[in-house]
Amino acid sequence: MAESSTKMESLAIIGLSFKFPQGMETADSLWKGLAASRSAWSSFPESRLNFDGVYDPDTGRLNSFPPKGAHFLNGDLGAFDAPFFTIGPNEAAEIDPQSRILLEVTYRALENGMFQCQLYETDQH
């Protein structure tokens, strides 16, 4: 059997950003939640689901929803600063909320890593 020589490359994490349930959006808040063994699970917020209208513990029942809760992000999931990303209102309305969050979190990770985004800005007009 031939020996495998794998060259190991160095890797450095220079910036981070995330958005977890229960408001864990900073390294400090995440660490505190982990250290306290805090669960990020919560009951359904009334603004997201009429829980009483769909809950049934019988998983075989049609048109029912057996879970009693989940892991929810805080805040308005529809909020998005489209002009900051030079995205027009029509295009922004078509972007999935998960993609919007990914765009915002990616930008914050670059900022956290002290990447100077303005050095790479281009005029797209």
C-alpha atoms as a PDB file:
ATOM      1  CA  MET A   1       0.000   0.000   0.000  1.00  0.00           C
ATOM      2  CA  ALA A   2       1.397   3.373  -0.990  1.00  0.00           C
ATOM      3  CA  GLU A   3       1.916   5.962   1.697  1.00  0.00           C
ATOM      4  CA  SER A   4      -0.371   8.933   1.499  1.00  0.00           C
ATOM      5  CA  SER A   5       1.249  12.292   2.009  1.00  0.00           C
ATOM      6  CA  THR A   6      -1.344  14.909   2.764  1.00  0.00           C
ATOM      7  CA  LYS A   7      -0.108  18.453   2.958  1.00  0.00           C
ATOM      8  CA  MET A   8      -1.745  20.248   5.878  1.00  0.00           C
ATOM      9  CA  GLU A   9      -2.592  23.882   5.284  1.00  0.00           C
ATOM     10  CA  SER A  10      -3.030  26.376   8.095  1.00  0.00           C
ATOM     11  CA  LEU A  11      -6.461  27.808   8.701  1.00  0.00           C
ATOM     12  CA  ALA A  12      -7.442  30.818  10.759  1.00  0.00           C
ATOM     13  CA  ILE A  13     -10.942  31.909  11.675  1.00  0.00           C
ATOM     14  CA  ILE A  14     -10.726  35.676  11.595  1.00  0.00           C
ATOM     15  CA  GLY A  15     -14.359  36.640  11.971  1.00  0.00           C
ATOM     16  CA  LEU A  16     -17.614  35.134  13.098  1.00  0.00           C
ATOM     17  CA  SER A  17     -21.269  35.946  13.140  1.00  0.00           C
ATOM     18  CA  PHE A  18     -24.412  33.938  13.689  1.00  0.00           C
ATOM     19  CA  LYS A  19     -28.050  34.251  14.606  1.00  0.00           C
ATOM     20  CA  PHE A  20     -29.323  31.569  16.962  1.00  0.00           C
ATOM     21  CA  PRO A  21     -32.679  31.300  18.743  1.00  0.00           C
ATOM     22  CA  GLN A  22     -33.387  33.091  22.018  1.00  0.00           C
ATOM     23  CA  GLY A  23     -31.332  36.120  20.999  1.00  0.00           C
ATOM     24  CA  MET A  24     -27.966  34.351  20.934  1.00  0.00           C
ATOM     25  CA  GLU A  25     -26.340  36.592  18.337  1.00  0.00           C
ATOM     26  CA  THR A  26     -22.954  37.358  19.896  1.00  0.00           C
ATOM     27  CA  ALA A  27     -20.103  35.106  20.970  1.00  0.00           C
ATOM     28  CA  ASP A  28     -20.678  36.203  24.574  1.00  0.00           C
ATOM     29  CA  SER A  29     -24.410  35.415  24.548  1.00  0.00           C
ATOM     30  CA  LEU A  30     -23.812  32.042  22.880  1.00  0.00           C
ATOM     31  CA  TRP A  31     -21.118  31.131  25.390  1.00  0.00           C
ATOM     32  CA  LYS A  32     -23.345  32.112  28.328  1.00  0.00           C
ATOM     33  CA  GLY A  33     -26.201  30.026  26.916  1.00  0.00           C
ATOM     34  CA  LEU A  34     -23.945  27.006  26.428  1.00  0.00           C
ATOM     35  CA  ALA A  35     -22.317  27.374  29.849  1.00  0.00           C
ATOM     36  CA  ALA A  36     -25.754  27.529  31.494  1.00  0.00           C
ATOM     37  CA  SER A  37     -27.002  24.546  29.422  1.00  0.00           C
ATOM     38  CA  ARG A  38     -29.852  26.793  28.345  1.00  0.00           C
ATOM     39  CA  SER A  39     -32.297  25.381  25.826  1.00  0.00           C
ATOM     40  CA  ALA A  40     -33.222  27.593  22.892  1.00  0.00           C
ATOM     41  CA  TRP A  41     -36.595  25.831  22.527  1.00  0.00           C
ATOM     42  CA  SER A  42     -39.772  27.806  23.149  1.00  0.00           C
ATOM     43  CA  SER A  43     -43.504  27.515  22.620  1.00  0.00           C
ATOM     44  CA  PHE A  44     -44.933  28.900  19.400  1.00  0.00           C
ATOM     45  CA  PRO A  45     -45.249  32.697  19.493  1.00  0.00           C
ATOM     46  CA  GLU A  46     -48.811  33.803  18.750  1.00  0.00           C
ATOM     47  CA  SER A  47     -47.462  35.979  15.937  1.00  0.00           C
ATOM     48  CA  ARG A  48     -46.180  32.896  14.096  1.00  0.00           C
ATOM     49  CA  LEU A  49     -48.887  30.266  14.517  1.00  0.00           C
ATOM     50  CA  ASN A  50     -52.400  29.859  15.888  1.00  0.00           C
ATOM     51  CA  PHE A  51     -51.246  26.884  17.906  1.00  0.00           C
ATOM     52  CA  ASP A  52     -54.629  26.093  19.453  1.00  0.00           C
ATOM     53  CA  GLY A  53     -56.158  25.795  15.995  1.00  0.00           C
ATOM     54  CA  VAL A  54     -53.769  23.133  14.696  1.00  0.00           C
ATOM     55  CA  TYR A  55     -52.264  21.230  17.637  1.00  0.00           C
ATOM     56  CA  ASP A  56     -53.202  17.601  18.174  1.00  0.00           C
ATOM     57  CA  PRO A  57     -50.935  15.046  19.872  1.00  0.00           C
ATOM     58  CA  ASP A  58     -52.253  12.370  17.480  1.00  0.00           C
ATOM     59  CA  THR A  59     -49.687  12.408  14.664  1.00  0.00           C
ATOM     60  CA  GLY A  60     -52.045  10.413  12.440  1.00  0.00           C
ATOM     61  CA  ARG A  61     -54.798  13.016  12.481  1.00  0.00           C
ATOM     62  CA  LEU A  62     -55.098  15.013   9.262  1.00  0.00           C
ATOM     63  CA  ASN A  63     -54.551  18.775   9.333  1.00  0.00           C
ATOM     64  CA  SER A  64     -52.934  18.673  12.750  1.00  0.00           C
ATOM     65  CA  PHE A  65     -49.541  19.765  13.978  1.00  0.00           C
ATOM     66  CA  PRO A  66     -48.113  17.707  16.857  1.00  0.00           C
ATOM     67  CA  PRO A  67     -45.034  19.771  17.920  1.00  0.00           C
ATOM     68  CA  LYS A  68     -45.655  22.153  20.820  1.00  0.00           C
ATOM     69  CA  GLY A  69     -42.755  24.463  20.050  1.00  0.00           C
ATOM     70  CA  ALA A  70     -39.504  24.935  18.193  1.00  0.00           C
ATOM     71  CA  HIS A  71     -36.350  27.053  18.100  1.00  0.00           C
ATOM     72  CA  PHE A  72     -37.347  30.550  16.963  1.00  0.00           C
ATOM     73  CA  LEU A  73     -35.201  33.509  15.993  1.00  0.00           C
ATOM     74  CA  ASN A  74     -36.051  36.783  17.705  1.00  0.00           C
ATOM     75  CA  GLY A  75     -37.188  39.859  15.859  1.00  0.00           C
ATOM     76  CA  ASP A  76     -38.964  40.606  12.618  1.00  0.00           C
ATOM     77  CA  LEU A  77     -37.812  38.046  10.062  1.00  0.00           C
ATOM     78  CA  GLY A  78     -39.114  40.260   7.272  1.00  0.00           C
ATOM     79  CA  ALA A  79     -36.936  43.222   8.276  1.00  0.00           C
ATOM     80  CA  PHE A  80     -34.096  43.767   5.826  1.00  0.00           C
ATOM     81  CA  ASP A  81     -31.972  46.823   4.996  1.00  0.00           C
ATOM     82  CA  ALA A  82     -32.113  46.359   1.223  1.00  0.00           C
ATOM     83  CA  PRO A  83     -30.597  49.780   0.350  1.00  0.00           C
ATOM     84  CA  PHE A  84     -27.523  48.946   2.453  1.00  0.00           C
ATOM     85  CA  PHE A  85     -26.882  46.013   0.113  1.00  0.00           C
ATOM     86  CA  THR A  86     -27.874  48.095  -2.951  1.00  0.00           C
ATOM     87  CA  ILE A  87     -30.886  45.871  -3.563  1.00  0.00           C
ATOM     88  CA  GLY A  88     -34.061  47.422  -4.922  1.00  0.00           C
ATOM     89  CA  PRO A  89     -37.415  46.984  -3.159  1.00  0.00           C
ATOM     90  CA  ASN A  90     -38.880  44.661  -5.818  1.00  0.00           C
ATOM     91  CA  GLU A  91     -35.840  42.389  -5.762  1.00  0.00           C
ATOM     92  CA  ALA A  92     -35.708  42.452  -1.948  1.00  0.00           C
ATOM     93  CA  ALA A  93     -39.345  41.337  -1.749  1.00  0.00           C
ATOM     94  CA  GLU A  94     -38.435  38.228  -3.760  1.00  0.00           C
ATOM     95  CA  ILE A  95     -35.465  37.184  -1.586  1.00  0.00           C
ATOM     96  CA  ASP A  96     -36.182  34.349   0.835  1.00  0.00           C
ATOM     97  CA  PRO A  97     -35.886  35.504   4.486  1.00  0.00           C
ATOM     98  CA  GLN A  98     -33.229  32.836   5.104  1.00  0.00           C
ATOM     99  CA  SER A  99     -31.118  34.300   2.291  1.00  0.00           C
ATOM    100  CA  ARG A 100     -31.560  37.806   3.698  1.00  0.00           C
ATOM    101  CA  ILE A 101     -30.380  36.629   7.112  1.00  0.00           C
ATOM    102  CA  LEU A 102     -27.407  34.855   5.514  1.00  0.00           C
ATOM    103  CA  LEU A 103     -26.434  38.048   3.690  1.00  0.00           C
ATOM    104  CA  GLU A 104     -26.608  40.110   6.896  1.00  0.00           C
ATOM    105  CA  VAL A 105     -24.749  37.542   8.998  1.00  0.00           C
ATOM    106  CA  THR A 106     -22.042  37.174   6.336  1.00  0.00           C
ATOM    107  CA  TYR A 107     -21.494  40.929   6.309  1.00  0.00           C
ATOM    108  CA  ARG A 108     -21.270  40.989  10.124  1.00  0.00           C
ATOM    109  CA  ALA A 109     -18.722  38.141  10.032  1.00  0.00           C
ATOM    110  CA  LEU A 110     -16.578  40.145   7.619  1.00  0.00           C
ATOM    111  CA  GLU A 111     -16.872  43.181   9.900  1.00  0.00           C
ATOM    112  CA  ASN A 112     -16.031  41.042  12.932  1.00  0.00           C
ATOM    113  CA  GLY A 113     -12.897  39.867  11.148  1.00  0.00           C
ATOM    114  CA  MET A 114     -12.028  43.525  10.455  1.00  0.00           C
ATOM    115  CA  PHE A 115     -12.285  42.969   6.708  1.00  0.00           C
ATOM    116  CA  GLN A 116     -12.546  46.418   5.141  1.00  0.00           C
ATOM    117  CA  CYS A 117     -15.497  45.951   2.788  1.00  0.00           C
ATOM    118  CA  GLN A 118     -15.363  49.549   1.535  1.00  0.00           C
ATOM    119  CA  LEU A 119     -12.013  48.794  -0.140  1.00  0.00           C
ATOM    120  CA  TYR A 120     -13.806  46.354  -2.421  1.00  0.00           C
ATOM    121  CA  GLU A 121     -16.981  48.319  -3.166  1.00  0.00           C
ATOM    122  CA  THR A 122     -17.746  48.916  -6.825  1.00  0.00           C
ATOM    123  CA  ASP A 123     -20.170  51.233  -8.544  1.00  0.00           C
ATOM    124  CA  GLN A 124     -22.656  48.966 -10.292  1.00  0.00           C
ATOM    125  CA  HIS A 125     -24.591  51.764 -12.029  1.00  0.00           C
END
